[in-house]
Amino acid sequence: MFSSFDTGKRESEYTEPERFYHGFVLGLLVELREEYVIRSNGEGGMGRYDIMLLKLYPLSR
């Protein structure tokens, strides 16, 4: 899942490396998609998170 926050309006020397790294990490995590819901650039708490993993089937205890 991608949002408008995954791409900036203007490229700069500061945002380009961060966007590359963000895409790289999402690419690594794609293998976990059958076990986790992968969220990108969402709002959480008092700000925004880069990547969030939610377990699809939590262990019942």
C-alpha atoms as a PDB file:
ATOM      1  CA  MET A   1       0.000   0.000   0.000  1.00  0.00           C
ATOM      2  CA  PHE A   2       1.402   3.369  -0.975  1.00  0.00           C
ATOM      3  CA  SER A   3       0.185   6.854  -0.250  1.00  0.00           C
ATOM      4  CA  SER A   4       0.899  10.357  -1.462  1.00  0.00           C
ATOM      5  CA  PHE A   5       3.493  10.572   1.315  1.00  0.00           C
ATOM      6  CA  ASP A   6       5.605   7.925  -0.465  1.00  0.00           C
ATOM      7  CA  THR A   7       6.385  10.424  -3.208  1.00  0.00           C
ATOM      8  CA  GLY A   8       7.180  14.062  -2.651  1.00  0.00           C
ATOM      9  CA  LYS A   9       6.053  17.039  -4.668  1.00  0.00           C
ATOM     10  CA  ARG A  10       9.652  18.019  -5.281  1.00  0.00           C
ATOM     11  CA  GLU A  11      12.773  15.937  -5.202  1.00  0.00           C
ATOM     12  CA  SER A  12      15.597  17.199  -3.044  1.00  0.00           C
ATOM     13  CA  GLU A  13      18.893  15.905  -1.784  1.00  0.00           C
ATOM     14  CA  TYR A  14      17.250  15.320   1.608  1.00  0.00           C
ATOM     15  CA  THR A  15      14.075  13.467   0.627  1.00  0.00           C
ATOM     16  CA  GLU A  16      15.438  11.329  -2.203  1.00  0.00           C
ATOM     17  CA  PRO A  17      17.644   9.054  -0.006  1.00  0.00           C
ATOM     18  CA  GLU A  18      14.806   8.632   2.501  1.00  0.00           C
ATOM     19  CA  ARG A  19      12.325   7.689  -0.231  1.00  0.00           C
ATOM     20  CA  PHE A  20      14.798   5.195  -1.683  1.00  0.00           C
ATOM     21  CA  TYR A  21      15.383   3.584   1.728  1.00  0.00           C
ATOM     22  CA  HIS A  22      11.636   3.494   2.428  1.00  0.00           C
ATOM     23  CA  GLY A  23      10.988   1.670  -0.858  1.00  0.00           C
ATOM     24  CA  PHE A  24      13.903  -0.685  -0.208  1.00  0.00           C
ATOM     25  CA  VAL A  25      12.574  -1.679   3.228  1.00  0.00           C
ATOM     26  CA  LEU A  26       9.049  -2.153   1.839  1.00  0.00           C
ATOM     27  CA  GLY A  27      10.543  -4.428  -0.808  1.00  0.00           C
ATOM     28  CA  LEU A  28      12.219  -6.530   1.878  1.00  0.00           C
ATOM     29  CA  LEU A  29       9.012  -6.786   3.898  1.00  0.00           C
ATOM     30  CA  VAL A  30       6.843  -7.894   0.963  1.00  0.00           C
ATOM     31  CA  GLU A  31       7.722 -11.513   1.813  1.00  0.00           C
ATOM     32  CA  LEU A  32       5.826 -11.107   5.107  1.00  0.00           C
ATOM     33  CA  ARG A  33       2.537 -10.118   3.449  1.00  0.00           C
ATOM     34  CA  GLU A  34       0.896 -13.484   4.149  1.00  0.00           C
ATOM     35  CA  GLU A  35       1.516 -13.139   7.899  1.00  0.00           C
ATOM     36  CA  TYR A  36       1.268  -9.361   8.392  1.00  0.00           C
ATOM     37  CA  VAL A  37      -0.685  -6.372   7.160  1.00  0.00           C
ATOM     38  CA  ILE A  38       1.949  -3.880   6.024  1.00  0.00           C
ATOM     39  CA  ARG A  39       1.019  -0.198   6.358  1.00  0.00           C
ATOM     40  CA  SER A  40       3.094   2.651   5.006  1.00  0.00           C
ATOM     41  CA  ASN A  41       3.223   6.315   6.061  1.00  0.00           C
ATOM     42  CA  GLY A  42       0.160   6.347   8.264  1.00  0.00           C
ATOM     43  CA  GLU A  43      -0.915   8.478  11.170  1.00  0.00           C
ATOM     44  CA  GLY A  44      -0.337   7.038  14.602  1.00  0.00           C
ATOM     45  CA  GLY A  45      -0.251   8.500  18.077  1.00  0.00           C
ATOM     46  CA  MET A  46       1.093  12.042  17.934  1.00  0.00           C
ATOM     47  CA  GLY A  47       2.596  11.833  14.444  1.00  0.00           C
ATOM     48  CA  ARG A  48       3.231   9.611  11.446  1.00  0.00           C
ATOM     49  CA  TYR A  49       4.926   6.234  11.162  1.00  0.00           C
ATOM     50  CA  ASP A  50       7.052   5.037   8.247  1.00  0.00           C
ATOM     51  CA  ILE A  51       6.125   1.345   8.231  1.00  0.00           C
ATOM     52  CA  MET A  52       3.811  -0.617  10.517  1.00  0.00           C
ATOM     53  CA  LEU A  53       3.366  -4.400  10.620  1.00  0.00           C
ATOM     54  CA  LEU A  54       0.139  -5.849  12.034  1.00  0.00           C
ATOM     55  CA  LYS A  55       0.040  -9.595  12.699  1.00  0.00           C
ATOM     56  CA  LEU A  56      -2.835 -11.183  10.758  1.00  0.00           C
ATOM     57  CA  TYR A  57      -3.421 -14.010  13.220  1.00  0.00           C
ATOM     58  CA  PRO A  58      -2.358 -12.961  16.732  1.00  0.00           C
ATOM     59  CA  LEU A  59      -1.567 -15.731  19.182  1.00  0.00           C
ATOM     60  CA  SER A  60      -4.383 -16.389  21.633  1.00  0.00           C
ATOM     61  CA  ARG A  61      -3.250 -16.825  25.221  1.00  0.00           C
END
